[in-house]
């Protein structure tokens, strides 16, 4: 039931690369891609677990990664400028930056992502991710009827949530939607 809409000026980039990260560690790659995105952007945006780029409480971008054997394809989309955004969405900039910025952001993201992937799955930037998180400390809900407070991101990239029944870890592979309440 969702429809596709796009900003007046945006980044849409995909990067295919080979990695020796074991399959179990690849769930961290969207989080690593988020850290790479923040490197390519001016200060201000934050990351909403597991794959959104946020600014002032609205989504301005997103990340995705899929793998097949040693090949990973990571995608990054970002609204640079949007004169009339839809509800809940926004853009990085209040004015149109022109054609060149999208290419610079995409190239900066790709370079940062490859550099971070080379560091390996044990040194993926968990403390940096925690500091950049817009989710930690917030009430979250998820499908079908989950509810709790996000309290941490674990070493595997899972979201640690305090619920009425105790602590649980959400895995981005099994969660359809996490929203701040």
Protein backbone atom coordinates (compact mmCIF):
# COMPACT_ATOMS: atom_id res chain seq x y z
CA UNK A 1 0.00 0.00 0.00
CA UNK A 2 2.97 2.34 0.09
CA UNK A 3 3.64 4.70 -2.76
CA UNK A 4 6.97 5.94 -4.01
CA UNK A 5 7.65 9.67 -3.76
CA UNK A 6 10.90 11.52 -4.17
CA UNK A 7 12.46 14.81 -3.25
CA UNK A 8 13.23 17.63 -5.66
CA UNK A 9 16.96 16.89 -5.26
CA UNK A 10 18.23 13.60 -3.82
CA UNK A 11 21.03 11.06 -3.65
CA UNK A 12 20.38 7.50 -4.77
CA UNK A 13 23.49 5.33 -4.67
CA UNK A 14 24.23 1.62 -4.68
CA UNK A 15 27.63 0.09 -4.06
CA UNK A 16 28.53 -3.55 -4.74
CA UNK A 17 31.63 -4.95 -3.07
CA UNK A 18 33.10 -8.26 -1.95
CA UNK A 19 33.76 -8.86 1.71
CA UNK A 20 35.11 -11.63 3.89
CA UNK A 21 32.77 -10.66 6.72
CA UNK A 22 31.02 -13.85 7.84
CA UNK A 23 27.29 -13.99 7.01
CA UNK A 24 26.35 -13.74 10.71
CA UNK A 25 28.14 -10.33 10.91
CA UNK A 26 26.54 -8.83 7.83
CA UNK A 27 23.50 -7.58 9.73
CA UNK A 28 25.85 -4.82 10.97
CA UNK A 29 26.52 -3.54 7.45
CA UNK A 30 23.43 -1.24 7.26
CA UNK A 31 24.54 0.32 10.56
CA UNK A 32 28.08 0.73 9.21
CA UNK A 33 26.60 2.25 6.04
CA UNK A 34 24.75 4.73 8.27
CA UNK A 35 27.99 5.78 9.95
CA UNK A 36 29.55 6.20 6.51
CA UNK A 37 26.60 8.39 5.49
CA UNK A 38 27.16 10.66 8.48
CA UNK A 39 30.81 11.02 7.43
CA UNK A 40 29.70 12.24 4.01
CA UNK A 41 27.22 14.79 5.39
CA UNK A 42 27.51 18.07 7.28
CA UNK A 43 26.96 17.80 11.04
CA UNK A 44 23.39 17.44 12.25
CA UNK A 45 21.81 14.19 11.03
CA UNK A 46 21.46 11.21 13.36
CA UNK A 47 20.72 7.53 12.84
CA UNK A 48 17.47 5.77 13.72
CA UNK A 49 18.00 2.03 14.13
CA UNK A 50 18.34 0.08 11.94
CA UNK A 51 18.52 2.05 8.69
CA UNK A 52 17.16 5.62 8.73
CA UNK A 53 18.94 8.97 8.56
CA UNK A 54 17.07 11.56 10.62
CA UNK A 55 17.22 15.33 10.99
CA UNK A 56 15.12 17.30 13.47
CA UNK A 57 12.87 14.29 14.07
CA UNK A 58 12.05 13.51 10.44
CA UNK A 59 13.44 10.94 8.06
CA UNK A 60 15.70 12.38 5.39
CA UNK A 61 17.29 9.17 4.16
CA UNK A 62 17.72 5.46 4.45
CA UNK A 63 20.11 2.59 3.93
CA UNK A 64 19.82 -1.04 2.93
CA UNK A 65 22.20 -3.92 2.34
CA UNK A 66 21.77 -7.38 0.85
CA UNK A 67 24.33 -10.09 0.25
CA UNK A 68 24.78 -13.16 -1.90
CA UNK A 69 27.92 -15.12 -1.15
CA UNK A 70 30.82 -12.71 -0.67
CA UNK A 71 29.08 -9.92 -2.63
CA UNK A 72 27.22 -7.21 -0.73
CA UNK A 73 25.14 -4.49 -2.35
CA UNK A 74 24.55 -1.48 -0.10
CA UNK A 75 22.14 1.28 -1.01
CA UNK A 76 21.86 4.84 0.28
CA UNK A 77 19.09 7.31 -0.42
CA UNK A 78 19.02 10.86 0.91
CA UNK A 79 16.73 13.83 0.35
CA UNK A 80 19.01 16.80 -0.21
CA UNK A 81 16.30 19.38 -0.91
CA UNK A 82 12.52 19.03 -0.92
CA UNK A 83 10.33 22.07 -1.45
CA UNK A 84 7.15 20.35 -0.20
CA UNK A 85 7.97 17.10 1.65
CA UNK A 86 5.38 14.52 2.63
CA UNK A 87 4.42 14.16 6.28
CA UNK A 88 7.20 12.58 8.36
CA UNK A 89 9.89 13.23 5.77
CA UNK A 90 12.26 16.09 5.18
CA UNK A 91 15.52 17.06 3.55
CA UNK A 92 19.06 17.86 4.56
CA UNK A 93 19.06 21.40 3.17
CA UNK A 94 16.54 24.27 3.04
CA UNK A 95 17.75 25.38 -0.42
CA UNK A 96 18.56 23.45 -3.60
CA UNK A 97 22.33 22.78 -3.61
CA UNK A 98 22.52 22.12 -7.35
CA UNK A 99 23.61 19.09 -9.31
CA UNK A 100 27.10 18.43 -7.94
CA UNK A 101 26.31 17.82 -4.28
CA UNK A 102 24.57 14.50 -4.88
CA UNK A 103 27.67 13.13 -6.61
CA UNK A 104 29.96 14.37 -3.83
CA UNK A 105 27.77 12.86 -1.10
CA UNK A 106 27.48 9.52 -2.92
CA UNK A 107 31.23 9.31 -3.53
CA UNK A 108 32.02 10.31 0.07
CA UNK A 109 29.61 7.68 1.38
CA UNK A 110 31.06 4.94 -0.83
CA UNK A 111 34.65 5.76 0.16
CA UNK A 112 33.77 5.87 3.88
CA UNK A 113 31.79 2.63 3.68
CA UNK A 114 34.61 0.71 1.98
CA UNK A 115 37.13 2.06 4.50
CA UNK A 116 34.91 0.99 7.40
CA UNK A 117 34.28 -2.47 5.91
CA UNK A 118 38.05 -2.97 5.68
CA UNK A 119 38.23 -2.55 9.49
CA UNK A 120 36.34 -5.83 9.84
CA UNK A 121 33.20 -6.87 11.68
CA UNK A 122 34.71 -6.63 15.16
CA UNK A 123 35.63 -2.95 14.79
CA UNK A 124 32.44 -1.74 13.10
CA UNK A 125 32.03 1.44 15.16
CA UNK A 126 29.53 0.44 17.85
CA UNK A 127 30.43 3.31 20.20
CA UNK A 128 30.23 5.81 17.36
CA UNK A 129 26.85 4.35 16.37
CA UNK A 130 25.55 4.66 19.93
CA UNK A 131 26.63 8.32 20.03
CA UNK A 132 24.90 9.01 16.68
CA UNK A 133 21.70 7.16 17.58
CA UNK A 134 18.37 8.97 17.54
CA UNK A 135 16.72 5.79 18.88
CA UNK A 136 18.49 5.11 22.18
CA UNK A 137 16.52 6.35 25.17
CA UNK A 138 13.32 6.57 23.13
CA UNK A 139 10.07 4.62 23.43
CA UNK A 140 9.73 2.33 20.41
CA UNK A 141 7.04 0.13 18.97
CA UNK A 142 7.35 -2.63 16.38
CA UNK A 143 5.09 -4.96 14.45
CA UNK A 144 2.99 -6.75 15.36
CA UNK A 145 2.48 -5.37 18.90
CA UNK A 146 5.87 -4.81 20.53
CA UNK A 147 6.52 -1.90 22.85
CA UNK A 148 9.46 -0.80 24.99
CA UNK A 149 12.33 1.63 25.46
CA UNK A 150 15.48 1.35 23.35
CA UNK A 151 18.42 1.21 25.75
CA UNK A 152 21.40 0.01 23.73
CA UNK A 153 22.80 -1.45 20.53
CA UNK A 154 24.64 -4.72 21.10
CA UNK A 155 27.93 -5.80 19.48
CA UNK A 156 26.03 -7.71 16.77
CA UNK A 157 24.02 -4.59 15.85
CA UNK A 158 20.79 -5.65 17.56
CA UNK A 159 18.60 -3.11 19.35
CA UNK A 160 18.35 -3.80 23.08
CA UNK A 161 14.88 -2.90 24.31
CA UNK A 162 13.51 -2.83 27.84
CA UNK A 163 9.93 -4.16 27.77
CA UNK A 164 7.38 -4.85 30.48
CA UNK A 165 8.47 -8.51 30.29
CA UNK A 166 12.21 -7.75 30.46
CA UNK A 167 15.04 -7.02 28.05
CA UNK A 168 14.96 -8.30 24.52
CA UNK A 169 17.15 -7.83 21.48
CA UNK A 170 15.55 -6.91 18.19
CA UNK A 171 17.30 -8.12 15.06
CA UNK A 172 16.82 -6.00 11.96
CA UNK A 173 16.33 -9.21 9.98
CA UNK A 174 13.16 -10.11 11.91
CA UNK A 175 11.71 -6.66 12.56
CA UNK A 176 9.38 -5.22 9.96
CA UNK A 177 9.08 -1.79 11.51
CA UNK A 178 10.45 0.06 14.54
CA UNK A 179 8.98 3.49 15.22
CA UNK A 180 9.61 5.93 17.99
CA UNK A 181 6.40 6.20 19.97
